Amino acid sequence: MALASIADLIEGEDREAFLADKAKPHALAMFFVVLGEAANKIGPAVKAAYPDLAWGYAAKLRHLIAHEYQRIDHQQLWEFATLDAPDMLAHLPQPPVERRL
């Protein structure tokens, strides 16, 4: 799940050090692409059940990252990752873990 990956990536990170890293902000952006794809596929019933979650914003971020990469504001992604994503993760049911043989 993209939200869990976002949480794992920023866990214990200092904002300035994270943003100065050459790879981590780009990894965060890719997790937002995945999150935006998922947000685009969320049905109306789930969106209605969780109206305060940033569904539209996540979808717009995905579009920006995928189609206008030069306009990415990694500071903005950090803020979403630290403020909005944890709220989304806390309120959404977690998918079952798949067992693979």
C-alpha atoms as a PDB file:
ATOM      1  CA  MET A   1       0.000   0.000   0.000  1.00  0.00           C
ATOM      2  CA  ALA A   2       1.342   3.389  -1.007  1.00  0.00           C
ATOM      3  CA  LEU A   3       0.402   5.066   2.266  1.00  0.00           C
ATOM      4  CA  ALA A   4       2.374   2.535   4.286  1.00  0.00           C
ATOM      5  CA  SER A   5       5.341   2.948   1.914  1.00  0.00           C
ATOM      6  CA  ILE A   6       5.182   6.718   2.349  1.00  0.00           C
ATOM      7  CA  ALA A   7       5.117   6.317   6.136  1.00  0.00           C
ATOM      8  CA  ASP A   8       8.061   3.918   6.037  1.00  0.00           C
ATOM      9  CA  LEU A   9      10.102   6.227   3.817  1.00  0.00           C
ATOM     10  CA  ILE A  10       9.726   9.313   6.014  1.00  0.00           C
ATOM     11  CA  GLU A  11       9.813   7.569   9.394  1.00  0.00           C
ATOM     12  CA  GLY A  12      12.502   9.092  11.602  1.00  0.00           C
ATOM     13  CA  GLU A  13      13.578  11.491   8.852  1.00  0.00           C
ATOM     14  CA  ASP A  14      14.469  15.116   9.366  1.00  0.00           C
ATOM     15  CA  ARG A  15      12.784  17.309   6.735  1.00  0.00           C
ATOM     16  CA  GLU A  16      15.894  19.206   5.680  1.00  0.00           C
ATOM     17  CA  ALA A  17      18.068  16.084   5.428  1.00  0.00           C
ATOM     18  CA  PHE A  18      15.326  14.212   3.582  1.00  0.00           C
ATOM     19  CA  LEU A  19      14.831  16.978   1.030  1.00  0.00           C
ATOM     20  CA  ALA A  20      18.603  17.322   0.530  1.00  0.00           C
ATOM     21  CA  ASP A  21      18.938  13.608  -0.297  1.00  0.00           C
ATOM     22  CA  LYS A  22      19.315  12.918  -4.012  1.00  0.00           C
ATOM     23  CA  ALA A  23      17.038   9.855  -4.116  1.00  0.00           C
ATOM     24  CA  LYS A  24      14.486   9.924  -1.285  1.00  0.00           C
ATOM     25  CA  PRO A  25      12.342  12.840  -2.540  1.00  0.00           C
ATOM     26  CA  HIS A  26      12.057  11.114  -5.920  1.00  0.00           C
ATOM     27  CA  ALA A  27      11.081   7.845  -4.252  1.00  0.00           C
ATOM     28  CA  LEU A  28       8.429   9.749  -2.308  1.00  0.00           C
ATOM     29  CA  ALA A  29       7.113  11.201  -5.565  1.00  0.00           C
ATOM     30  CA  MET A  30       6.759   7.720  -7.038  1.00  0.00           C
ATOM     31  CA  PHE A  31       4.796   6.530  -4.003  1.00  0.00           C
ATOM     32  CA  PHE A  32       2.481   9.487  -4.606  1.00  0.00           C
ATOM     33  CA  VAL A  33       1.986   8.321  -8.192  1.00  0.00           C
ATOM     34  CA  VAL A  34       0.811   4.965  -6.822  1.00  0.00           C
ATOM     35  CA  LEU A  35      -1.372   6.677  -4.206  1.00  0.00           C
ATOM     36  CA  GLY A  36      -2.934   8.918  -6.846  1.00  0.00           C
ATOM     37  CA  GLU A  37      -3.722   5.921  -9.051  1.00  0.00           C
ATOM     38  CA  ALA A  38      -5.427   4.258  -6.104  1.00  0.00           C
ATOM     39  CA  ALA A  39      -7.326   7.454  -5.229  1.00  0.00           C
ATOM     40  CA  ASN A  40      -8.618   7.603  -8.804  1.00  0.00           C
ATOM     41  CA  LYS A  41     -10.034   4.099  -8.418  1.00  0.00           C
ATOM     42  CA  ILE A  42     -11.707   4.611  -5.047  1.00  0.00           C
ATOM     43  CA  GLY A  43     -15.449   4.255  -5.399  1.00  0.00           C
ATOM     44  CA  PRO A  44     -17.972   6.899  -4.380  1.00  0.00           C
ATOM     45  CA  ALA A  45     -19.103   4.906  -1.342  1.00  0.00           C
ATOM     46  CA  VAL A  46     -15.620   4.878   0.177  1.00  0.00           C
ATOM     47  CA  LYS A  47     -15.091   8.560  -0.621  1.00  0.00           C
ATOM     48  CA  ALA A  48     -18.440   9.321   1.008  1.00  0.00           C
ATOM     49  CA  ALA A  49     -17.486   7.282   4.074  1.00  0.00           C
ATOM     50  CA  TYR A  50     -14.249   9.280   4.422  1.00  0.00           C
ATOM     51  CA  PRO A  51     -15.087  12.736   3.027  1.00  0.00           C
ATOM     52  CA  ASP A  52     -12.380  14.573   4.962  1.00  0.00           C
ATOM     53  CA  LEU A  53      -9.528  12.601   3.376  1.00  0.00           C
ATOM     54  CA  ALA A  54      -7.598  14.272   0.558  1.00  0.00           C
ATOM     55  CA  TRP A  55      -8.747  12.066  -2.343  1.00  0.00           C
ATOM     56  CA  GLY A  56      -8.777  14.788  -4.978  1.00  0.00           C
ATOM     57  CA  TYR A  57      -5.487  16.247  -3.885  1.00  0.00           C
ATOM     58  CA  ALA A  58      -3.783  12.847  -4.089  1.00  0.00           C
ATOM     59  CA  ALA A  59      -5.149  12.354  -7.599  1.00  0.00           C
ATOM     60  CA  LYS A  60      -3.988  15.821  -8.680  1.00  0.00           C
ATOM     61  CA  LEU A  61      -0.504  15.172  -7.278  1.00  0.00           C
ATOM     62  CA  ARG A  62      -0.328  11.968  -9.311  1.00  0.00           C
ATOM     63  CA  HIS A  63      -1.183  13.879 -12.483  1.00  0.00           C
ATOM     64  CA  LEU A  64       1.381  16.578 -11.744  1.00  0.00           C
ATOM     65  CA  ILE A  65       4.152  14.073 -11.020  1.00  0.00           C
ATOM     66  CA  ALA A  66       3.394  11.903 -14.034  1.00  0.00           C
ATOM     67  CA  HIS A  67       2.844  14.643 -16.604  1.00  0.00           C
ATOM     68  CA  GLU A  68       4.589  17.763 -15.339  1.00  0.00           C
ATOM     69  CA  TYR A  69       7.577  16.328 -13.522  1.00  0.00           C
ATOM     70  CA  GLN A  70       9.557  19.574 -13.715  1.00  0.00           C
ATOM     71  CA  ARG A  71       6.914  21.262 -11.514  1.00  0.00           C
ATOM     72  CA  ILE A  72       7.198  18.874  -8.560  1.00  0.00           C
ATOM     73  CA  ASP A  73       7.606  20.682  -5.257  1.00  0.00           C
ATOM     74  CA  HIS A  74       9.262  18.139  -2.973  1.00  0.00           C
ATOM     75  CA  GLN A  75       8.559  20.379   0.036  1.00  0.00           C
ATOM     76  CA  GLN A  76       4.844  20.112  -0.795  1.00  0.00           C
ATOM     77  CA  LEU A  77       5.125  16.326  -1.042  1.00  0.00           C
ATOM     78  CA  TRP A  78       6.892  16.238   2.338  1.00  0.00           C
ATOM     79  CA  GLU A  79       4.066  18.260   3.897  1.00  0.00           C
ATOM     80  CA  PHE A  80       1.407  15.964   2.443  1.00  0.00           C
ATOM     81  CA  ALA A  81       3.414  12.923   3.562  1.00  0.00           C
ATOM     82  CA  THR A  82       3.745  14.199   7.121  1.00  0.00           C
ATOM     83  CA  LEU A  83       0.327  15.831   7.569  1.00  0.00           C
ATOM     84  CA  ASP A  84      -2.300  14.241   5.299  1.00  0.00           C
ATOM     85  CA  ALA A  85      -0.972  10.763   4.525  1.00  0.00           C
ATOM     86  CA  PRO A  86      -0.847   9.636   8.184  1.00  0.00           C
ATOM     87  CA  ASP A  87      -4.481  10.683   8.600  1.00  0.00           C
ATOM     88  CA  MET A  88      -5.459   8.714   5.509  1.00  0.00           C
ATOM     89  CA  LEU A  89      -3.510   5.683   6.705  1.00  0.00           C
ATOM     90  CA  ALA A  90      -5.089   5.840  10.168  1.00  0.00           C
ATOM     91  CA  HIS A  91      -8.652   6.004   8.851  1.00  0.00           C
ATOM     92  CA  LEU A  92      -8.621   3.523   5.998  1.00  0.00           C
ATOM     93  CA  PRO A  93      -8.999  -0.204   6.516  1.00  0.00           C
ATOM     94  CA  GLN A  94      -5.794  -2.066   5.851  1.00  0.00           C
ATOM     95  CA  PRO A  95      -5.827  -4.661   3.084  1.00  0.00           C
ATOM     96  CA  PRO A  96      -5.131  -8.252   4.083  1.00  0.00           C
ATOM     97  CA  VAL A  97      -1.562  -9.433   3.680  1.00  0.00           C
ATOM     98  CA  GLU A  98      -1.168 -11.886   0.827  1.00  0.00           C
ATOM     99  CA  ARG A  99       0.662 -15.078   1.497  1.00  0.00           C
ATOM    100  CA  ARG A 100       2.826 -16.341  -1.311  1.00  0.00           C
ATOM    101  CA  LEU A 101       4.220 -19.805  -1.543  1.00  0.00           C
END
